[in-house]
Amino acid sequence: AASDVYKRQPQVRLAILDRSQPEVIDLVRQGEVDFGLALASAAPKDLTALRWQEVEMVLLTPRDHPLTRLPQVTIEEIARYPLILPPRGQRSPGRQTLEALFQKQGLDYRVVMESSNVELSSLYVELGLGISFATVVKDLPLAGRRSLAFLPMSHYVEPDFIAVLHRKDKIISAYLQAFLDLLFAR
């Protein structure tokens, strides 16, 4: 548990920064943070990337949405519904992938809302304002008490990994190694 790390390394203070993937990569490169989490596919060659958790892209819909009754959702069917996507200027790899799929098929689509926060986007989906996408840890039990369906998009987007990024020239301190051991033990 995290408390074990604090007992062994009482001088350590954990700070978590919620940033876009490109910002995380920049913070790690500049040495502003000890390490960052990003998709392995986005990890630049000048950083060390340790694969951690397998992730997949899913379509988020309300549980009773018509798309949930299909054996496999197509991009053509998705384009018929209002979409909630990350902001266009945010350099979101997920949005770029989706737009490329729509363009490849020559499909028009309608973005009714832009949200950079997946949790807020999922709330908007539950409220019936549109459908959205998320990259989630594979095989994680997601349903819980949420009124959401998580429809796999693996037929369009290859699974990926969340990777722990750090600078190649950075020496891993004892406290950072203890945290990484905890992270990878799960």
N, C-alpha and C. Protein backbone atom coordinates (compact mmCIF):
# COMPACT_ATOMS: atom_id res chain seq x y z
N ALA A 1 0.84 -1.18 0.00
CA ALA A 1 0.00 0.00 0.00
C ALA A 1 0.88 1.24 0.00
N ALA A 2 0.29 2.35 -0.40
CA ALA A 2 1.03 3.61 -0.46
C ALA A 2 1.55 4.00 0.91
N SER A 3 0.81 3.64 1.97
CA SER A 3 1.27 3.98 3.32
C SER A 3 2.58 3.30 3.66
N ASP A 4 2.83 2.11 3.10
CA ASP A 4 4.10 1.42 3.31
C ASP A 4 5.27 2.21 2.73
N VAL A 5 5.05 2.80 1.55
CA VAL A 5 6.10 3.62 0.93
C VAL A 5 6.38 4.82 1.82
N TYR A 6 5.33 5.47 2.34
CA TYR A 6 5.53 6.64 3.21
C TYR A 6 6.26 6.26 4.50
N LYS A 7 5.97 5.07 5.04
CA LYS A 7 6.67 4.63 6.25
C LYS A 7 8.15 4.42 5.98
N ARG A 8 8.47 3.86 4.81
CA ARG A 8 9.88 3.62 4.46
C ARG A 8 10.58 4.89 4.01
N GLN A 9 9.83 5.82 3.40
CA GLN A 9 10.40 7.05 2.86
C GLN A 9 9.59 8.25 3.36
N PRO A 10 9.66 8.58 4.65
CA PRO A 10 8.79 9.62 5.21
C PRO A 10 9.03 11.02 4.61
N GLN A 11 10.20 11.25 4.02
CA GLN A 11 10.49 12.56 3.44
C GLN A 11 9.82 12.77 2.08
N VAL A 12 9.24 11.72 1.52
CA VAL A 12 8.64 11.80 0.19
C VAL A 12 7.23 12.37 0.26
N ARG A 13 6.94 13.28 -0.65
CA ARG A 13 5.59 13.83 -0.78
C ARG A 13 5.17 13.61 -2.22
N LEU A 14 4.08 12.92 -2.39
CA LEU A 14 3.56 12.61 -3.71
C LEU A 14 2.66 13.74 -4.19
N ALA A 15 2.92 14.23 -5.39
CA ALA A 15 2.06 15.24 -6.02
C ALA A 15 1.67 14.70 -7.39
N ILE A 16 0.38 14.66 -7.66
CA ILE A 16 -0.11 14.17 -8.94
C ILE A 16 -0.64 15.35 -9.74
N LEU A 17 -0.12 15.49 -10.95
CA LEU A 17 -0.53 16.57 -11.84
C LEU A 17 -1.36 15.97 -12.97
N ASP A 18 -2.55 16.47 -13.20
CA ASP A 18 -3.41 16.01 -14.29
C ASP A 18 -3.15 16.91 -15.49
N ARG A 19 -2.44 16.37 -16.49
CA ARG A 19 -2.07 17.15 -17.67
C ARG A 19 -2.34 16.32 -18.93
N SER A 20 -2.38 17.00 -20.06
CA SER A 20 -2.53 16.30 -21.34
C SER A 20 -1.26 15.48 -21.60
N GLN A 21 -1.41 14.49 -22.45
CA GLN A 21 -0.28 13.62 -22.76
C GLN A 21 0.94 14.39 -23.28
N PRO A 22 0.78 15.32 -24.22
CA PRO A 22 1.95 16.09 -24.67
C PRO A 22 2.60 16.90 -23.54
N GLU A 23 1.77 17.44 -22.64
CA GLU A 23 2.32 18.20 -21.51
C GLU A 23 3.09 17.28 -20.56
N VAL A 24 2.59 16.06 -20.34
CA VAL A 24 3.29 15.10 -19.49
C VAL A 24 4.67 14.81 -20.08
N ILE A 25 4.70 14.55 -21.37
CA ILE A 25 5.97 14.25 -22.04
C ILE A 25 6.94 15.42 -21.89
N ASP A 26 6.45 16.65 -22.07
CA ASP A 26 7.30 17.83 -21.91
C ASP A 26 7.81 17.97 -20.48
N LEU A 27 6.94 17.74 -19.48
CA LEU A 27 7.36 17.85 -18.08
C LEU A 27 8.45 16.83 -17.74
N VAL A 28 8.32 15.62 -18.25
CA VAL A 28 9.33 14.58 -18.00
C VAL A 28 10.63 14.98 -18.69
N ARG A 29 10.56 15.41 -19.95
CA ARG A 29 11.76 15.82 -20.70
C ARG A 29 12.52 16.93 -19.99
N GLN A 30 11.77 17.90 -19.46
CA GLN A 30 12.39 19.06 -18.82
C GLN A 30 12.87 18.76 -17.40
N GLY A 31 12.56 17.56 -16.89
CA GLY A 31 12.97 17.21 -15.54
C GLY A 31 12.11 17.86 -14.47
N GLU A 32 10.94 18.38 -14.84
CA GLU A 32 10.05 19.03 -13.88
C GLU A 32 9.33 18.01 -13.00
N VAL A 33 9.20 16.77 -13.48
CA VAL A 33 8.60 15.67 -12.72
C VAL A 33 9.52 14.47 -12.81
N ASP A 34 9.44 13.59 -11.81
CA ASP A 34 10.28 12.39 -11.81
C ASP A 34 9.87 11.41 -12.88
N PHE A 35 8.57 11.26 -13.06
CA PHE A 35 8.07 10.39 -14.12
C PHE A 35 6.66 10.81 -14.48
N GLY A 36 6.17 10.29 -15.60
CA GLY A 36 4.83 10.59 -16.07
C GLY A 36 4.19 9.36 -16.65
N LEU A 37 2.88 9.41 -16.81
CA LEU A 37 2.13 8.32 -17.43
C LEU A 37 1.59 8.81 -18.76
N ALA A 38 1.80 7.99 -19.80
CA ALA A 38 1.32 8.31 -21.14
C ALA A 38 1.13 6.99 -21.88
N LEU A 39 0.49 7.06 -23.02
CA LEU A 39 0.35 5.85 -23.83
C LEU A 39 1.72 5.45 -24.38
N ALA A 40 1.98 4.16 -24.35
CA ALA A 40 3.26 3.66 -24.86
C ALA A 40 3.46 4.05 -26.32
N SER A 41 2.38 4.04 -27.09
CA SER A 41 2.47 4.39 -28.51
C SER A 41 2.87 5.85 -28.73
N ALA A 42 2.68 6.69 -27.73
CA ALA A 42 3.03 8.12 -27.84
C ALA A 42 4.39 8.43 -27.22
N ALA A 43 5.01 7.42 -26.61
CA ALA A 43 6.28 7.66 -25.91
C ALA A 43 7.39 7.99 -26.91
N PRO A 44 8.05 9.13 -26.74
CA PRO A 44 9.15 9.46 -27.64
C PRO A 44 10.38 8.61 -27.35
N LYS A 45 11.22 8.45 -28.35
CA LYS A 45 12.40 7.58 -28.25
C LYS A 45 13.44 8.10 -27.25
N ASP A 46 13.41 9.40 -26.95
CA ASP A 46 14.41 9.95 -26.04
C ASP A 46 14.07 9.74 -24.57
N LEU A 47 12.91 9.12 -24.28
CA LEU A 47 12.53 8.81 -22.90
C LEU A 47 12.43 7.30 -22.73
N THR A 48 12.67 6.83 -21.51
CA THR A 48 12.45 5.42 -21.19
C THR A 48 10.96 5.24 -20.92
N ALA A 49 10.39 4.19 -21.52
CA ALA A 49 8.97 3.89 -21.34
C ALA A 49 8.83 2.48 -20.81
N LEU A 50 8.31 2.35 -19.59
CA LEU A 50 8.07 1.05 -18.97
C LEU A 50 6.59 0.73 -19.08
N ARG A 51 6.24 -0.31 -19.85
CA ARG A 51 4.83 -0.68 -20.01
C ARG A 51 4.25 -1.10 -18.67
N TRP A 52 3.05 -0.55 -18.36
CA TRP A 52 2.43 -0.82 -17.07
C TRP A 52 1.11 -1.55 -17.21
N GLN A 53 0.08 -0.90 -17.72
CA GLN A 53 -1.25 -1.49 -17.82
C GLN A 53 -1.72 -1.48 -19.27
N GLU A 54 -2.32 -2.59 -19.72
CA GLU A 54 -2.89 -2.62 -21.05
C GLU A 54 -4.19 -1.82 -21.06
N VAL A 55 -4.39 -1.03 -22.10
CA VAL A 55 -5.59 -0.20 -22.24
C VAL A 55 -6.22 -0.42 -23.60
N GLU A 56 -7.51 -0.10 -23.67
CA GLU A 56 -8.22 -0.18 -24.94
C GLU A 56 -9.16 1.01 -25.07
N MET A 57 -9.45 1.37 -26.32
CA MET A 57 -10.42 2.44 -26.54
C MET A 57 -11.81 1.83 -26.51
N VAL A 58 -12.72 2.54 -25.83
CA VAL A 58 -14.12 2.12 -25.77
C VAL A 58 -15.01 3.29 -26.15
N LEU A 59 -16.18 2.95 -26.64
CA LEU A 59 -17.23 3.93 -26.90
C LEU A 59 -18.10 3.98 -25.66
N LEU A 60 -18.35 5.16 -25.15
CA LEU A 60 -19.21 5.35 -23.98
C LEU A 60 -20.59 5.75 -24.45
N THR A 61 -21.59 4.97 -24.06
CA THR A 61 -22.98 5.29 -24.36
C THR A 61 -23.80 5.08 -23.10
N PRO A 62 -25.01 5.65 -23.06
CA PRO A 62 -25.92 5.26 -21.97
C PRO A 62 -26.20 3.75 -22.11
N ARG A 63 -26.49 3.09 -21.00
CA ARG A 63 -26.72 1.64 -21.01
C ARG A 63 -27.83 1.21 -21.97
N ASP A 64 -28.85 2.03 -22.14
CA ASP A 64 -29.99 1.65 -22.99
C ASP A 64 -29.89 2.21 -24.40
N HIS A 65 -28.73 2.66 -24.82
CA HIS A 65 -28.54 3.26 -26.14
C HIS A 65 -28.70 2.20 -27.24
N PRO A 66 -29.25 2.56 -28.40
CA PRO A 66 -29.42 1.60 -29.50
C PRO A 66 -28.12 0.91 -29.93
N LEU A 67 -26.98 1.58 -29.82
CA LEU A 67 -25.71 0.97 -30.23
C LEU A 67 -25.32 -0.22 -29.35
N THR A 68 -25.86 -0.28 -28.14
CA THR A 68 -25.52 -1.39 -27.23
C THR A 68 -26.13 -2.71 -27.70
N ARG A 69 -27.10 -2.65 -28.59
CA ARG A 69 -27.76 -3.87 -29.06
C ARG A 69 -27.08 -4.49 -30.29
N LEU A 70 -26.05 -3.81 -30.80
CA LEU A 70 -25.36 -4.31 -31.98
C LEU A 70 -24.22 -5.23 -31.57
N PRO A 71 -23.95 -6.26 -32.38
CA PRO A 71 -22.84 -7.16 -32.04
C PRO A 71 -21.47 -6.47 -32.11
N GLN A 72 -21.34 -5.53 -33.05
CA GLN A 72 -20.10 -4.75 -33.17
C GLN A 72 -20.47 -3.40 -33.78
N VAL A 73 -20.03 -2.34 -33.13
CA VAL A 73 -20.37 -0.99 -33.57
C VAL A 73 -19.44 -0.57 -34.69
N THR A 74 -20.01 0.02 -35.74
CA THR A 74 -19.18 0.53 -36.84
C THR A 74 -19.04 2.04 -36.73
N ILE A 75 -18.02 2.55 -37.38
CA ILE A 75 -17.78 3.99 -37.36
C ILE A 75 -18.93 4.72 -38.08
N GLU A 76 -19.54 4.07 -39.07
CA GLU A 76 -20.68 4.66 -39.76
C GLU A 76 -21.86 4.84 -38.80
N GLU A 77 -22.10 3.86 -37.95
CA GLU A 77 -23.19 3.96 -36.98
C GLU A 77 -22.90 5.03 -35.93
N ILE A 78 -21.66 5.11 -35.50
CA ILE A 78 -21.26 6.11 -34.50
C ILE A 78 -21.50 7.52 -35.03
N ALA A 79 -21.20 7.73 -36.31
CA ALA A 79 -21.31 9.07 -36.91
C ALA A 79 -22.74 9.59 -36.91
N ARG A 80 -23.72 8.73 -36.72
CA ARG A 80 -25.14 9.16 -36.70
C ARG A 80 -25.54 9.86 -35.40
N TYR A 81 -24.70 9.75 -34.38
CA TYR A 81 -25.07 10.25 -33.06
C TYR A 81 -24.21 11.46 -32.68
N PRO A 82 -24.76 12.36 -31.83
CA PRO A 82 -23.96 13.50 -31.37
C PRO A 82 -22.78 13.02 -30.53
N LEU A 83 -21.64 13.66 -30.75
CA LEU A 83 -20.39 13.23 -30.10
C LEU A 83 -19.89 14.25 -29.08
N ILE A 84 -19.30 13.72 -28.03
CA ILE A 84 -18.60 14.52 -27.03
C ILE A 84 -17.13 14.12 -27.15
N LEU A 85 -16.30 15.05 -27.60
CA LEU A 85 -14.89 14.76 -27.87
C LEU A 85 -13.99 15.75 -27.14
N PRO A 86 -12.71 15.40 -27.00
CA PRO A 86 -11.77 16.37 -26.43
C PRO A 86 -11.68 17.61 -27.32
N PRO A 87 -11.29 18.75 -26.76
CA PRO A 87 -11.17 19.97 -27.57
C PRO A 87 -10.21 19.77 -28.75
N ARG A 88 -10.56 20.34 -29.87
CA ARG A 88 -9.80 20.18 -31.11
C ARG A 88 -8.33 20.60 -30.94
N GLY A 89 -8.07 21.69 -30.29
CA GLY A 89 -6.72 22.19 -30.17
C GLY A 89 -5.87 21.53 -29.10
N GLN A 90 -6.40 20.51 -28.45
CA GLN A 90 -5.72 19.91 -27.31
C GLN A 90 -4.66 18.88 -27.71
N ARG A 91 -4.48 18.60 -28.99
CA ARG A 91 -3.55 17.58 -29.49
C ARG A 91 -3.89 16.22 -28.89
N SER A 92 -5.17 15.89 -28.84
CA SER A 92 -5.61 14.62 -28.27
C SER A 92 -5.42 13.50 -29.29
N PRO A 93 -4.59 12.50 -28.96
CA PRO A 93 -4.40 11.38 -29.89
C PRO A 93 -5.70 10.64 -30.17
N GLY A 94 -6.57 10.52 -29.14
CA GLY A 94 -7.84 9.84 -29.33
C GLY A 94 -8.72 10.56 -30.34
N ARG A 95 -8.81 11.87 -30.22
CA ARG A 95 -9.63 12.63 -31.16
C ARG A 95 -9.03 12.54 -32.57
N GLN A 96 -7.72 12.63 -32.67
CA GLN A 96 -7.08 12.55 -33.99
C GLN A 96 -7.35 11.19 -34.64
N THR A 97 -7.30 10.13 -33.86
CA THR A 97 -7.59 8.79 -34.37
C THR A 97 -9.02 8.70 -34.88
N LEU A 98 -9.95 9.20 -34.09
CA LEU A 98 -11.36 9.16 -34.47
C LEU A 98 -11.64 9.98 -35.72
N GLU A 99 -11.09 11.18 -35.77
CA GLU A 99 -11.31 12.02 -36.94
C GLU A 99 -10.73 11.37 -38.19
N ALA A 100 -9.59 10.70 -38.05
CA ALA A 100 -9.00 10.00 -39.19
C ALA A 100 -9.91 8.87 -39.66
N LEU A 101 -10.53 8.15 -38.71
CA LEU A 101 -11.47 7.08 -39.09
C LEU A 101 -12.68 7.65 -39.82
N PHE A 102 -13.24 8.75 -39.33
CA PHE A 102 -14.39 9.38 -39.99
C PHE A 102 -14.00 9.86 -41.39
N GLN A 103 -12.84 10.49 -41.50
CA GLN A 103 -12.41 11.02 -42.80
C GLN A 103 -12.12 9.90 -43.78
N LYS A 104 -11.52 8.82 -43.32
CA LYS A 104 -11.21 7.67 -44.19
C LYS A 104 -12.48 7.11 -44.81
N GLN A 105 -13.56 7.10 -44.05
CA GLN A 105 -14.85 6.61 -44.54
C GLN A 105 -15.67 7.70 -45.23
N GLY A 106 -15.15 8.93 -45.24
CA GLY A 106 -15.88 10.04 -45.85
C GLY A 106 -17.15 10.40 -45.11
N LEU A 107 -17.13 10.26 -43.80
CA LEU A 107 -18.34 10.47 -42.99
C LEU A 107 -18.38 11.85 -42.36
N ASP A 108 -19.57 12.43 -42.38
CA ASP A 108 -19.81 13.64 -41.60
C ASP A 108 -20.17 13.21 -40.19
N TYR A 109 -19.77 13.98 -39.21
CA TYR A 109 -20.09 13.69 -37.82
C TYR A 109 -20.34 15.02 -37.13
N ARG A 110 -21.03 14.94 -35.99
CA ARG A 110 -21.42 16.16 -35.29
C ARG A 110 -20.90 16.14 -33.86
N VAL A 111 -20.03 17.09 -33.56
CA VAL A 111 -19.53 17.27 -32.20
C VAL A 111 -20.45 18.27 -31.51
N VAL A 112 -21.15 17.81 -30.46
CA VAL A 112 -22.07 18.70 -29.75
C VAL A 112 -21.44 19.31 -28.51
N MET A 113 -20.33 18.72 -28.08
CA MET A 113 -19.67 19.22 -26.87
C MET A 113 -18.21 18.81 -26.92
N GLU A 114 -17.36 19.68 -26.39
CA GLU A 114 -15.95 19.36 -26.22
C GLU A 114 -15.65 19.35 -24.73
N SER A 115 -14.98 18.30 -24.29
CA SER A 115 -14.62 18.18 -22.88
C SER A 115 -13.26 17.49 -22.79
N SER A 116 -12.35 18.08 -22.04
CA SER A 116 -11.03 17.49 -21.89
C SER A 116 -10.96 16.52 -20.71
N ASN A 117 -12.04 16.42 -19.96
CA ASN A 117 -12.07 15.57 -18.77
C ASN A 117 -12.95 14.35 -19.04
N VAL A 118 -12.37 13.16 -19.01
CA VAL A 118 -13.11 11.93 -19.32
C VAL A 118 -14.23 11.70 -18.33
N GLU A 119 -14.00 12.01 -17.08
CA GLU A 119 -15.06 11.81 -16.06
C GLU A 119 -16.26 12.70 -16.35
N LEU A 120 -16.00 13.96 -16.68
CA LEU A 120 -17.11 14.86 -17.03
C LEU A 120 -17.79 14.40 -18.32
N SER A 121 -17.01 13.98 -19.30
CA SER A 121 -17.60 13.47 -20.54
C SER A 121 -18.51 12.30 -20.25
N SER A 122 -18.09 11.39 -19.38
CA SER A 122 -18.92 10.22 -19.07
C SER A 122 -20.21 10.64 -18.37
N LEU A 123 -20.16 11.69 -17.55
CA LEU A 123 -21.36 12.21 -16.91
C LEU A 123 -22.31 12.78 -17.96
N TYR A 124 -21.76 13.52 -18.94
CA TYR A 124 -22.58 14.07 -20.01
C TYR A 124 -23.22 12.95 -20.83
N VAL A 125 -22.49 11.85 -21.03
CA VAL A 125 -23.05 10.70 -21.74
C VAL A 125 -24.21 10.12 -20.94
N GLU A 126 -24.02 9.95 -19.64
CA GLU A 126 -25.10 9.43 -18.78
C GLU A 126 -26.35 10.31 -18.86
N LEU A 127 -26.13 11.61 -19.00
CA LEU A 127 -27.25 12.55 -19.08
C LEU A 127 -27.92 12.53 -20.46
N GLY A 128 -27.34 11.77 -21.40
CA GLY A 128 -27.94 11.65 -22.72
C GLY A 128 -27.59 12.77 -23.69
N LEU A 129 -26.53 13.52 -23.40
CA LEU A 129 -26.15 14.65 -24.26
C LEU A 129 -25.38 14.23 -25.50
N GLY A 130 -24.86 13.02 -25.53
CA GLY A 130 -24.09 12.52 -26.66
C GLY A 130 -23.39 11.24 -26.27
N ILE A 131 -22.56 10.73 -27.18
CA ILE A 131 -21.73 9.57 -26.89
C ILE A 131 -20.27 10.01 -26.96
N SER A 132 -19.39 9.26 -26.33
CA SER A 132 -18.01 9.69 -26.25
C SER A 132 -17.08 8.48 -26.30
N PHE A 133 -15.81 8.72 -26.15
CA PHE A 133 -14.80 7.68 -26.19
C PHE A 133 -13.88 7.84 -24.99
N ALA A 134 -13.28 6.74 -24.58
CA ALA A 134 -12.31 6.78 -23.49
C ALA A 134 -11.31 5.66 -23.71
N THR A 135 -10.12 5.87 -23.22
CA THR A 135 -9.11 4.82 -23.18
C THR A 135 -9.07 4.33 -21.75
N VAL A 136 -9.38 3.03 -21.56
CA VAL A 136 -9.52 2.47 -20.22
C VAL A 136 -8.65 1.25 -20.05
N VAL A 137 -8.33 0.93 -18.81
CA VAL A 137 -7.56 -0.27 -18.51
C VAL A 137 -8.37 -1.48 -18.94
N LYS A 138 -7.73 -2.35 -19.69
CA LYS A 138 -8.40 -3.52 -20.25
C LYS A 138 -8.82 -4.47 -19.13
N ASP A 139 -10.01 -5.02 -19.26
CA ASP A 139 -10.59 -5.99 -18.33
C ASP A 139 -10.84 -5.42 -16.93
N LEU A 140 -10.87 -4.11 -16.80
CA LEU A 140 -11.20 -3.49 -15.53
C LEU A 140 -12.72 -3.51 -15.38
N PRO A 141 -13.24 -3.98 -14.25
CA PRO A 141 -14.70 -3.96 -14.09
C PRO A 141 -15.18 -2.51 -13.99
N LEU A 142 -15.86 -2.04 -15.02
CA LEU A 142 -16.19 -0.62 -15.12
C LEU A 142 -17.62 -0.27 -14.75
N ALA A 143 -18.54 -1.19 -14.94
CA ALA A 143 -19.96 -0.86 -14.86
C ALA A 143 -20.33 -0.22 -13.53
N GLY A 144 -20.07 -0.90 -12.44
CA GLY A 144 -20.37 -0.34 -11.13
C GLY A 144 -21.78 0.21 -11.07
N ARG A 145 -21.89 1.38 -10.51
CA ARG A 145 -23.21 2.02 -10.37
C ARG A 145 -23.47 3.02 -11.49
N ARG A 146 -22.60 3.08 -12.45
CA ARG A 146 -22.76 4.02 -13.54
C ARG A 146 -23.81 3.52 -14.53
N SER A 147 -24.49 4.43 -15.18
CA SER A 147 -25.47 4.08 -16.21
C SER A 147 -24.83 4.19 -17.58
N LEU A 148 -23.66 3.58 -17.71
CA LEU A 148 -22.89 3.64 -18.94
C LEU A 148 -22.66 2.26 -19.52
N ALA A 149 -22.55 2.21 -20.84
CA ALA A 149 -22.07 1.00 -21.52
C ALA A 149 -20.69 1.33 -22.07
N PHE A 150 -19.80 0.36 -22.02
CA PHE A 150 -18.43 0.51 -22.51
C PHE A 150 -18.28 -0.45 -23.69
N LEU A 151 -18.41 0.05 -24.90
CA LEU A 151 -18.39 -0.79 -26.09
C LEU A 151 -16.99 -0.80 -26.68
N PRO A 152 -16.39 -1.98 -26.83
CA PRO A 152 -15.00 -2.05 -27.32
C PRO A 152 -14.86 -1.51 -28.75
N MET A 153 -13.76 -0.85 -28.98
CA MET A 153 -13.44 -0.33 -30.31
C MET A 153 -12.17 -0.98 -30.86
N SER A 154 -11.83 -2.16 -30.34
CA SER A 154 -10.58 -2.83 -30.72
C SER A 154 -10.55 -3.23 -32.19
N HIS A 155 -11.71 -3.30 -32.84
CA HIS A 155 -11.72 -3.60 -34.27
C HIS A 155 -11.27 -2.39 -35.11
N TYR A 156 -11.16 -1.22 -34.48
CA TYR A 156 -10.65 -0.03 -35.16
C TYR A 156 -9.31 0.45 -34.59
N VAL A 157 -9.15 0.33 -33.29
CA VAL A 157 -7.98 0.88 -32.62
C VAL A 157 -7.30 -0.24 -31.83
N GLU A 158 -6.03 -0.48 -32.15
CA GLU A 158 -5.27 -1.52 -31.46
C GLU A 158 -5.15 -1.20 -29.97
N PRO A 159 -5.21 -2.22 -29.12
CA PRO A 159 -4.94 -1.97 -27.70
C PRO A 159 -3.54 -1.36 -27.53
N ASP A 160 -3.35 -0.68 -26.45
CA ASP A 160 -2.09 0.00 -26.16
C ASP A 160 -1.73 -0.29 -24.71
N PHE A 161 -0.75 0.40 -24.21
CA PHE A 161 -0.35 0.28 -22.81
C PHE A 161 -0.18 1.67 -22.24
N ILE A 162 -0.50 1.81 -20.95
CA ILE A 162 -0.06 2.99 -20.22
C ILE A 162 1.39 2.70 -19.89
N ALA A 163 2.25 3.67 -20.12
CA ALA A 163 3.66 3.50 -19.82
C ALA A 163 4.10 4.54 -18.80
N VAL A 164 5.02 4.14 -17.96
CA VAL A 164 5.66 5.06 -17.04
C VAL A 164 6.88 5.61 -17.78
N LEU A 165 6.91 6.92 -17.95
CA LEU A 165 8.00 7.57 -18.68
C LEU A 165 8.96 8.24 -17.71
N HIS A 166 10.25 8.10 -18.00
CA HIS A 166 11.24 8.89 -17.27
C HIS A 166 12.43 9.15 -18.17
N ARG A 167 13.23 10.12 -17.77
CA ARG A 167 14.39 10.48 -18.58
C ARG A 167 15.42 9.37 -18.51
N LYS A 168 16.06 9.12 -19.64
CA LYS A 168 17.08 8.07 -19.71
C LYS A 168 18.31 8.43 -18.87
N ASP A 169 18.57 9.72 -18.71
CA ASP A 169 19.76 10.14 -17.96
C ASP A 169 19.48 10.33 -16.47
N LYS A 170 18.28 10.03 -16.03
CA LYS A 170 17.92 10.24 -14.62
C LYS A 170 18.21 8.98 -13.82
N ILE A 171 18.87 9.16 -12.70
CA ILE A 171 19.14 8.06 -11.79
C ILE A 171 17.86 7.83 -10.96
N ILE A 172 17.43 6.59 -10.89
CA ILE A 172 16.22 6.24 -10.14
C ILE A 172 16.58 6.20 -8.65
N SER A 173 16.02 7.13 -7.90
CA SER A 173 16.30 7.19 -6.46
C SER A 173 15.56 6.07 -5.73
N ALA A 174 15.91 5.83 -4.49
CA ALA A 174 15.28 4.78 -3.69
C ALA A 174 13.79 5.02 -3.53
N TYR A 175 13.39 6.29 -3.29
CA TYR A 175 11.97 6.57 -3.11
C TYR A 175 11.18 6.37 -4.40
N LEU A 176 11.78 6.75 -5.54
CA LEU A 176 11.10 6.55 -6.82
C LEU A 176 11.01 5.06 -7.14
N GLN A 177 12.07 4.32 -6.86
CA GLN A 177 12.03 2.88 -7.10
C GLN A 177 10.99 2.20 -6.22
N ALA A 178 10.84 2.65 -4.97
CA ALA A 178 9.82 2.09 -4.08
C ALA A 178 8.43 2.35 -4.64
N PHE A 179 8.22 3.56 -5.16
CA PHE A 179 6.91 3.87 -5.74
C PHE A 179 6.66 3.03 -6.99
N LEU A 180 7.67 2.91 -7.84
CA LEU A 180 7.53 2.09 -9.06
C LEU A 180 7.26 0.63 -8.70
N ASP A 181 7.94 0.13 -7.67
CA ASP A 181 7.69 -1.26 -7.23
C ASP A 181 6.24 -1.43 -6.79
N LEU A 182 5.73 -0.44 -6.08
CA LEU A 182 4.33 -0.48 -5.65
C LEU A 182 3.38 -0.45 -6.85
N LEU A 183 3.68 0.44 -7.79
CA LEU A 183 2.86 0.58 -8.98
C LEU A 183 2.81 -0.72 -9.80
N PHE A 184 3.97 -1.32 -10.00
CA PHE A 184 4.06 -2.51 -10.84
C PHE A 184 3.66 -3.79 -10.11
N ALA A 185 3.53 -3.72 -8.79
CA ALA A 185 3.10 -4.91 -8.02
C ALA A 185 1.62 -5.20 -8.21
N ARG A 186 0.85 -4.21 -8.63
CA ARG A 186 -0.60 -4.39 -8.78
C ARG A 186 -0.92 -5.18 -10.02
